[in-house]
């Protein structure tokens, strides 16, 4: 399967993206294993983490055959290329940077830029984005997501990122959101792999319970 097909299969199975901001290379494999054991199959290492490309390379080598590994906070084309060099296949940004989106798509990687308005959403899709990250979701509501999806192309994968907890996912799902990005709710620097596993399982259980 292509990177996009694999990403969509992982998102359909468990619609969660673990954002491991602040992770260090020495803990990447243990944390990655904990997330996968919990059911999460998409892991994003933000580039404002310590030595992020090393962590991406470690995760890609250990889990790339059964998970989608990539980077977040990708702000320029050069860094998108470095993600590919490290073995990552997912490029996530906080913004809709059209050159980054186009370069990511051209390289065969999955592009999931951040958007907040219809203008940004359509511009990102036109540039080649494969999924859209509604960010910061703390400043939006499920009503906003529903309104966006009413005008976006049918089947657009809209991911909710920012302030998501196991208790707040249901209204977003009802509005049509396709998945969630989980930051500090699932990982913070200094957390043990066991803690990460437990927190991830709580999100997976909340989704399963409807």
C-alpha atoms as a PDB file:
ATOM      1  CA  UNK A   1       0.000   0.000   0.000  1.00  0.00           C
ATOM      2  CA  UNK A   2       1.043   3.603  -0.449  1.00  0.00           C
ATOM      3  CA  UNK A   3       1.775   5.824   2.544  1.00  0.00           C
ATOM      4  CA  UNK A   4      -1.611   7.487   2.056  1.00  0.00           C
ATOM      5  CA  UNK A   5      -3.487   4.192   1.863  1.00  0.00           C
ATOM      6  CA  UNK A   6      -1.730   2.965   4.994  1.00  0.00           C
ATOM      7  CA  UNK A   7      -2.434   6.223   6.833  1.00  0.00           C
ATOM      8  CA  UNK A   8      -6.119   6.031   5.975  1.00  0.00           C
ATOM      9  CA  UNK A   9      -6.296   2.391   7.049  1.00  0.00           C
ATOM     10  CA  UNK A  10      -4.697   3.228  10.383  1.00  0.00           C
ATOM     11  CA  UNK A  11      -6.979   6.240  10.845  1.00  0.00           C
ATOM     12  CA  UNK A  12     -10.063   4.146  10.069  1.00  0.00           C
ATOM     13  CA  UNK A  13      -9.024   1.448  12.533  1.00  0.00           C
ATOM     14  CA  UNK A  14      -8.208   3.781  15.442  1.00  0.00           C
ATOM     15  CA  UNK A  15      -8.720   7.480  14.590  1.00  0.00           C
ATOM     16  CA  UNK A  16      -6.035   8.823  16.896  1.00  0.00           C
ATOM     17  CA  UNK A  17      -2.707  10.539  16.216  1.00  0.00           C
ATOM     18  CA  UNK A  18      -0.281  10.541  19.137  1.00  0.00           C
ATOM     19  CA  UNK A  19       1.664  13.823  19.225  1.00  0.00           C
ATOM     20  CA  UNK A  20       4.749  13.096  21.315  1.00  0.00           C
ATOM     21  CA  UNK A  21       6.055  16.625  21.725  1.00  0.00           C
ATOM     22  CA  UNK A  22       9.251  16.737  23.744  1.00  0.00           C
ATOM     23  CA  UNK A  23      10.140  13.082  23.319  1.00  0.00           C
ATOM     24  CA  UNK A  24      13.849  12.247  23.327  1.00  0.00           C
ATOM     25  CA  UNK A  25      15.475   9.619  21.118  1.00  0.00           C
ATOM     26  CA  UNK A  26      16.429   7.323  24.006  1.00  0.00           C
ATOM     27  CA  UNK A  27      12.765   6.882  24.967  1.00  0.00           C
ATOM     28  CA  UNK A  28      11.226   6.848  21.495  1.00  0.00           C
ATOM     29  CA  UNK A  29      11.104   3.084  21.021  1.00  0.00           C
ATOM     30  CA  UNK A  30       9.571   2.363  24.440  1.00  0.00           C
ATOM     31  CA  UNK A  31       6.951   5.092  24.052  1.00  0.00           C
ATOM     32  CA  UNK A  32       6.187   3.978  20.497  1.00  0.00           C
ATOM     33  CA  UNK A  33       5.707   0.403  21.658  1.00  0.00           C
ATOM     34  CA  UNK A  34       3.374   1.563  24.440  1.00  0.00           C
ATOM     35  CA  UNK A  35       1.231   3.540  22.005  1.00  0.00           C
ATOM     36  CA  UNK A  36       1.007   0.656  19.562  1.00  0.00           C
ATOM     37  CA  UNK A  37       0.135  -1.771  22.358  1.00  0.00           C
ATOM     38  CA  UNK A  38      -2.727   0.597  23.263  1.00  0.00           C
ATOM     39  CA  UNK A  39      -3.985   0.510  19.677  1.00  0.00           C
ATOM     40  CA  UNK A  40      -2.643   3.812  18.319  1.00  0.00           C
ATOM     41  CA  UNK A  41      -1.129   3.422  14.860  1.00  0.00           C
ATOM     42  CA  UNK A  42      -0.173   7.007  13.940  1.00  0.00           C
ATOM     43  CA  UNK A  43       2.683   8.748  15.772  1.00  0.00           C
ATOM     44  CA  UNK A  44       3.849  12.305  15.181  1.00  0.00           C
ATOM     45  CA  UNK A  45       7.127  13.712  16.512  1.00  0.00           C
ATOM     46  CA  UNK A  46       6.958  17.535  16.539  1.00  0.00           C
ATOM     47  CA  UNK A  47      10.122  19.109  15.210  1.00  0.00           C
ATOM     48  CA  UNK A  48      10.437  21.344  18.266  1.00  0.00           C
ATOM     49  CA  UNK A  49      11.316  18.226  20.258  1.00  0.00           C
ATOM     50  CA  UNK A  50      14.941  17.370  21.132  1.00  0.00           C
ATOM     51  CA  UNK A  51      16.694  15.727  18.126  1.00  0.00           C
ATOM     52  CA  UNK A  52      13.366  14.992  16.425  1.00  0.00           C
ATOM     53  CA  UNK A  53      14.777  13.418  13.287  1.00  0.00           C
ATOM     54  CA  UNK A  54      16.642  10.859  15.387  1.00  0.00           C
ATOM     55  CA  UNK A  55      13.395   9.938  17.151  1.00  0.00           C
ATOM     56  CA  UNK A  56      11.563   9.683  13.832  1.00  0.00           C
ATOM     57  CA  UNK A  57      14.275   7.404  12.464  1.00  0.00           C
ATOM     58  CA  UNK A  58      14.104   5.172  15.543  1.00  0.00           C
ATOM     59  CA  UNK A  59      10.312   4.934  15.387  1.00  0.00           C
ATOM     60  CA  UNK A  60      10.278   4.354  11.632  1.00  0.00           C
ATOM     61  CA  UNK A  61      12.830   1.550  11.894  1.00  0.00           C
ATOM     62  CA  UNK A  62      11.061  -0.154  14.796  1.00  0.00           C
ATOM     63  CA  UNK A  63       7.425   0.328  13.818  1.00  0.00           C
ATOM     64  CA  UNK A  64       7.222   1.619  10.250  1.00  0.00           C
ATOM     65  CA  UNK A  65       5.858  -1.682   8.994  1.00  0.00           C
ATOM     66  CA  UNK A  66       2.810  -1.484  11.277  1.00  0.00           C
ATOM     67  CA  UNK A  67       2.362   2.210  12.059  1.00  0.00           C
ATOM     68  CA  UNK A  68       2.410   5.578  10.317  1.00  0.00           C
ATOM     69  CA  UNK A  69       5.360   7.575  11.627  1.00  0.00           C
ATOM     70  CA  UNK A  70       5.947  11.226  10.857  1.00  0.00           C
ATOM     71  CA  UNK A  71       6.615  14.730  12.063  1.00  0.00           C
ATOM     72  CA  UNK A  72       4.659  17.669  13.370  1.00  0.00           C
ATOM     73  CA  UNK A  73       5.392  21.383  13.455  1.00  0.00           C
ATOM     74  CA  UNK A  74       6.941  21.127   9.980  1.00  0.00           C
ATOM     75  CA  UNK A  75       7.326  24.741   8.887  1.00  0.00           C
ATOM     76  CA  UNK A  76       9.434  24.612   5.728  1.00  0.00           C
ATOM     77  CA  UNK A  77      10.160  22.498   2.670  1.00  0.00           C
ATOM     78  CA  UNK A  78      13.671  21.601   3.794  1.00  0.00           C
ATOM     79  CA  UNK A  79      12.374  20.019   6.992  1.00  0.00           C
ATOM     80  CA  UNK A  80       9.745  18.080   5.057  1.00  0.00           C
ATOM     81  CA  UNK A  81      12.607  16.585   3.080  1.00  0.00           C
ATOM     82  CA  UNK A  82      14.449  15.721   6.280  1.00  0.00           C
ATOM     83  CA  UNK A  83      11.361  13.894   7.529  1.00  0.00           C
ATOM     84  CA  UNK A  84      11.468  11.698   4.430  1.00  0.00           C
ATOM     85  CA  UNK A  85      15.207  11.121   4.878  1.00  0.00           C
ATOM     86  CA  UNK A  86      14.538   9.916   8.439  1.00  0.00           C
ATOM     87  CA  UNK A  87      11.951   7.417   7.223  1.00  0.00           C
ATOM     88  CA  UNK A  88       8.842   9.407   8.142  1.00  0.00           C
ATOM     89  CA  UNK A  89       5.814   9.358   5.883  1.00  0.00           C
ATOM     90  CA  UNK A  90       3.540  11.918   7.573  1.00  0.00           C
ATOM     91  CA  UNK A  91       4.050  15.693   7.589  1.00  0.00           C
ATOM     92  CA  UNK A  92       1.862  17.750   9.919  1.00  0.00           C
ATOM     93  CA  UNK A  93       2.019  21.535  10.281  1.00  0.00           C
ATOM     94  CA  UNK A  94       0.238  24.015  12.541  1.00  0.00           C
ATOM     95  CA  UNK A  95      -0.452  26.146   9.474  1.00  0.00           C
ATOM     96  CA  UNK A  96      -1.458  25.767   5.835  1.00  0.00           C
ATOM     97  CA  UNK A  97       1.938  26.420   4.262  1.00  0.00           C
ATOM     98  CA  UNK A  98       1.268  25.719   0.603  1.00  0.00           C
ATOM     99  CA  UNK A  99       4.898  24.997  -0.425  1.00  0.00           C
ATOM    100  CA  UNK A 100       5.243  22.448   2.389  1.00  0.00           C
ATOM    101  CA  UNK A 101       1.963  20.800   1.401  1.00  0.00           C
ATOM    102  CA  UNK A 102       2.941  20.592  -2.263  1.00  0.00           C
ATOM    103  CA  UNK A 103       6.433  19.275  -1.513  1.00  0.00           C
ATOM    104  CA  UNK A 104       5.060  16.668   0.885  1.00  0.00           C
ATOM    105  CA  UNK A 105       2.529  15.392  -1.628  1.00  0.00           C
ATOM    106  CA  UNK A 106       5.110  15.377  -4.434  1.00  0.00           C
ATOM    107  CA  UNK A 107       7.416  13.234  -2.272  1.00  0.00           C
ATOM    108  CA  UNK A 108       4.701  10.627  -1.751  1.00  0.00           C
ATOM    109  CA  UNK A 109       4.229  11.477   1.906  1.00  0.00           C
ATOM    110  CA  UNK A 110       0.961  12.265   3.683  1.00  0.00           C
ATOM    111  CA  UNK A 111       0.200  15.963   4.176  1.00  0.00           C
ATOM    112  CA  UNK A 112      -1.972  17.045   7.110  1.00  0.00           C
ATOM    113  CA  UNK A 113      -1.705  20.823   7.551  1.00  0.00           C
ATOM    114  CA  UNK A 114      -3.445  22.906  10.173  1.00  0.00           C
ATOM    115  CA  UNK A 115      -6.406  25.005   9.108  1.00  0.00           C
ATOM    116  CA  UNK A 116      -9.044  27.092  10.861  1.00  0.00           C
ATOM    117  CA  UNK A 117     -11.096  28.746   8.127  1.00  0.00           C
ATOM    118  CA  UNK A 118     -12.767  27.590   4.896  1.00  0.00           C
ATOM    119  CA  UNK A 119     -10.302  29.722   2.929  1.00  0.00           C
ATOM    120  CA  UNK A 120      -7.332  27.917   4.495  1.00  0.00           C
ATOM    121  CA  UNK A 121      -9.014  24.527   4.113  1.00  0.00           C
ATOM    122  CA  UNK A 122      -9.697  24.864   0.403  1.00  0.00           C
ATOM    123  CA  UNK A 123      -6.264  26.348  -0.291  1.00  0.00           C
ATOM    124  CA  UNK A 124      -4.634  23.417   1.505  1.00  0.00           C
ATOM    125  CA  UNK A 125      -6.662  20.841  -0.412  1.00  0.00           C
ATOM    126  CA  UNK A 126      -5.888  22.580  -3.706  1.00  0.00           C
ATOM    127  CA  UNK A 127      -2.174  22.379  -2.855  1.00  0.00           C
ATOM    128  CA  UNK A 128      -2.432  18.617  -2.326  1.00  0.00           C
ATOM    129  CA  UNK A 129      -3.280  18.111   1.360  1.00  0.00           C
ATOM    130  CA  UNK A 130      -4.604  14.648   2.200  1.00  0.00           C
ATOM    131  CA  UNK A 131      -6.124  15.510   5.599  1.00  0.00           C
ATOM    132  CA  UNK A 132      -6.861  18.727   7.460  1.00  0.00           C
ATOM    133  CA  UNK A 133      -6.085  19.490  11.081  1.00  0.00           C
ATOM    134  CA  UNK A 134      -8.593  21.818  12.748  1.00  0.00           C
ATOM    135  CA  UNK A 135      -6.293  23.727  15.058  1.00  0.00           C
ATOM    136  CA  UNK A 136      -6.470  25.047  17.680  1.00  0.00           C
ATOM    137  CA  UNK A 137      -9.661  23.139  18.406  1.00  0.00           C
ATOM    138  CA  UNK A 138      -9.978  24.883  21.777  1.00  0.00           C
ATOM    139  CA  UNK A 139     -11.054  27.949  19.809  1.00  0.00           C
ATOM    140  CA  UNK A 140     -13.612  26.045  17.739  1.00  0.00           C
ATOM    141  CA  UNK A 141     -16.641  23.845  18.417  1.00  0.00           C
ATOM    142  CA  UNK A 142     -18.216  20.754  16.875  1.00  0.00           C
ATOM    143  CA  UNK A 143     -20.672  23.147  15.197  1.00  0.00           C
ATOM    144  CA  UNK A 144     -17.735  24.796  13.410  1.00  0.00           C
ATOM    145  CA  UNK A 145     -16.456  21.396  12.275  1.00  0.00           C
ATOM    146  CA  UNK A 146     -19.880  20.436  10.958  1.00  0.00           C
ATOM    147  CA  UNK A 147     -20.162  23.693   9.033  1.00  0.00           C
ATOM    148  CA  UNK A 148     -16.707  23.207   7.491  1.00  0.00           C
ATOM    149  CA  UNK A 149     -17.490  19.653   6.449  1.00  0.00           C
ATOM    150  CA  UNK A 150     -20.753  20.778   4.860  1.00  0.00           C
ATOM    151  CA  UNK A 151     -18.806  22.736   2.245  1.00  0.00           C
ATOM    152  CA  UNK A 152     -15.578  20.737   1.971  1.00  0.00           C
ATOM    153  CA  UNK A 153     -15.318  17.899  -0.570  1.00  0.00           C
ATOM    154  CA  UNK A 154     -17.147  14.783   0.564  1.00  0.00           C
ATOM    155  CA  UNK A 155     -14.829  12.419   2.375  1.00  0.00           C
ATOM    156  CA  UNK A 156     -12.392  15.085   3.605  1.00  0.00           C
ATOM    157  CA  UNK A 157     -10.507  13.765   6.630  1.00  0.00           C
ATOM    158  CA  UNK A 158     -10.844  16.448   9.312  1.00  0.00           C
ATOM    159  CA  UNK A 159      -8.752  15.864  12.419  1.00  0.00           C
ATOM    160  CA  UNK A 160      -9.430  17.699  15.674  1.00  0.00           C
ATOM    161  CA  UNK A 161      -6.308  18.863  17.485  1.00  0.00           C
ATOM    162  CA  UNK A 162      -6.055  20.839  20.709  1.00  0.00           C
ATOM    163  CA  UNK A 163      -7.570  20.229  24.110  1.00  0.00           C
ATOM    164  CA  UNK A 164      -9.049  16.834  23.261  1.00  0.00           C
ATOM    165  CA  UNK A 165      -9.878  14.550  26.177  1.00  0.00           C
ATOM    166  CA  UNK A 166     -11.584  11.140  26.245  1.00  0.00           C
ATOM    167  CA  UNK A 167     -14.718  12.858  27.539  1.00  0.00           C
ATOM    168  CA  UNK A 168     -14.946  15.468  24.773  1.00  0.00           C
ATOM    169  CA  UNK A 169     -14.550  13.362  21.623  1.00  0.00           C
ATOM    170  CA  UNK A 170     -18.136  12.233  21.074  1.00  0.00           C
ATOM    171  CA  UNK A 171     -19.596  15.589  19.920  1.00  0.00           C
ATOM    172  CA  UNK A 172     -16.789  15.997  17.392  1.00  0.00           C
ATOM    173  CA  UNK A 173     -17.398  12.510  16.020  1.00  0.00           C
ATOM    174  CA  UNK A 174     -21.108  13.303  15.732  1.00  0.00           C
ATOM    175  CA  UNK A 175     -20.191  16.429  13.760  1.00  0.00           C
ATOM    176  CA  UNK A 176     -18.261  14.325  11.248  1.00  0.00           C
ATOM    177  CA  UNK A 177     -14.674  14.574  12.451  1.00  0.00           C
ATOM    178  CA  UNK A 178     -12.565  11.692  11.184  1.00  0.00           C
ATOM    179  CA  UNK A 179     -10.005  11.626  13.985  1.00  0.00           C
ATOM    180  CA  UNK A 180      -8.082  13.371  16.749  1.00  0.00           C
ATOM    181  CA  UNK A 181      -4.574  14.541  17.477  1.00  0.00           C
ATOM    182  CA  UNK A 182      -3.592  13.877  21.083  1.00  0.00           C
ATOM    183  CA  UNK A 183      -0.846  15.954  22.643  1.00  0.00           C
ATOM    184  CA  UNK A 184      -0.313  16.373  26.361  1.00  0.00           C
ATOM    185  CA  UNK A 185      -3.337  14.188  27.041  1.00  0.00           C
ATOM    186  CA  UNK A 186      -1.313  11.164  26.004  1.00  0.00           C
ATOM    187  CA  UNK A 187       2.344  12.194  26.321  1.00  0.00           C
ATOM    188  CA  UNK A 188       4.374  14.704  28.295  1.00  0.00           C
ATOM    189  CA  UNK A 189       8.150  14.731  28.735  1.00  0.00           C
ATOM    190  CA  UNK A 190       9.113  12.592  31.698  1.00  0.00           C
ATOM    191  CA  UNK A 191       6.132  10.251  31.487  1.00  0.00           C
ATOM    192  CA  UNK A 192       6.869   6.537  31.665  1.00  0.00           C
ATOM    193  CA  UNK A 193       5.938   4.211  28.835  1.00  0.00           C
ATOM    194  CA  UNK A 194       3.400   2.577  31.169  1.00  0.00           C
ATOM    195  CA  UNK A 195       1.721   5.932  31.803  1.00  0.00           C
ATOM    196  CA  UNK A 196       1.600   6.641  28.074  1.00  0.00           C
ATOM    197  CA  UNK A 197       0.040   3.237  27.448  1.00  0.00           C
ATOM    198  CA  UNK A 198      -2.630   3.816  30.099  1.00  0.00           C
ATOM    199  CA  UNK A 199      -3.535   7.263  28.804  1.00  0.00           C
ATOM    200  CA  UNK A 200      -3.719   6.060  25.202  1.00  0.00           C
ATOM    201  CA  UNK A 201      -5.926   3.147  26.217  1.00  0.00           C
ATOM    202  CA  UNK A 202      -8.339   5.587  27.859  1.00  0.00           C
ATOM    203  CA  UNK A 203      -8.800   7.391  24.517  1.00  0.00           C
ATOM    204  CA  UNK A 204      -9.191   4.148  22.606  1.00  0.00           C
ATOM    205  CA  UNK A 205     -11.759   2.913  25.128  1.00  0.00           C
ATOM    206  CA  UNK A 206     -13.713   6.173  24.913  1.00  0.00           C
ATOM    207  CA  UNK A 207     -13.963   5.806  21.141  1.00  0.00           C
ATOM    208  CA  UNK A 208     -15.039   2.180  21.418  1.00  0.00           C
ATOM    209  CA  UNK A 209     -17.786   3.074  23.876  1.00  0.00           C
ATOM    210  CA  UNK A 210     -19.236   5.585  21.433  1.00  0.00           C
END
